[in-house]
Each structure stands twice: as structure tokens, then as C-alpha cells.
Amino acid sequence: MKDLLAFLKSKFSEITSAHYEHFLKPELTLVEEGHVTLTMTVLPEHSNIAGFVHGGVFAGLADVAMALTCLSVHKQVVTTDMNISYIRNVVVGESVTVQGYLLQAGRQLMRTRCEIYSGETLLVSATGTFFITGAVALHEKTKD
């Protein structure tokens, strides 16, 4: 489990340094096979005109968490579809916790679920389907 966490943290660091995830600034805090936890502090650039988190930020976080969940079982994936329900919202400065879960893994598709919380309050519920593009070795070399 420790190797999996180290591997995914390394991969996650590589991804978040140069891609869309850099804008979100999430932190990977827990990795188990088929489950990941991220945290993120809501920044001013994450807010909409009303001062709440923009829905696209929550959608992006859910997508990242669910893709990482697939990666936790050594599968490289791309999103094929995502369904998201916005239940509550938070303002700048609040911290959110993002839970990603693997529901089903087939030969070509993986199904996942994500929940985003502020404390015990459910903010967002999402499901996603991902197409498997390949396998990832646990000790795959990352770019330096």
C-alpha cells in the first residue's frame, strides 16, 4: 500500500505541475486500491460571480478523483461520460474533501463514483465511466 501511495503521489505531482489539475491545486491524501481521497482549499480563482465554487471546479475535481481511482488499480483511462449532482456549495477559503471509489472494472470500461464534502456536508455526488487506454506498472518511471 505504501508503494502504491508513493507511486500515485509521484504521478499526481507530475500531472498537477503542468496540467489543468495545477489550477485546482488539490492534494492527494489517501490511496487504497479502488479508493482515493483528495483535499482542496477553495481559492478566489475557483469562485463564480456569486462568490461560490464554480460548478466546473467541482466537476474537474470529481473527474480527477475518479480517474485517480482507476489509476489506483493500475489502469490508465480517459473519461467517456460523467453525471454530476450539485447539492450544496461553499465559499472561498473553505476546505473540501473529495472521495473517489471504483464501482466496476471491465475489460474496456471502468465505472466510478465520487463525493465531495465540506466537513460532514455532502456538496456534490458524481458518477463516471472511463475507457481503459492501458495498464500502468507500479514502478513505472515518471518524467523528471
Foldseek 3Di string as FASTA:
>chain_A
DVLLVVLLQVVVVVDLVDHPVVVQPWAWDDADQFKTKIKGAAAQVQADPVQWGDPVSVVVVQLVRQQVNCVSNFFHWDFPDKDKDFDAIDGGGFMKMKMKGWDDDDPFKTKIWMWIDRVPHTGMIMITMITTPDGHDSPDDDDD
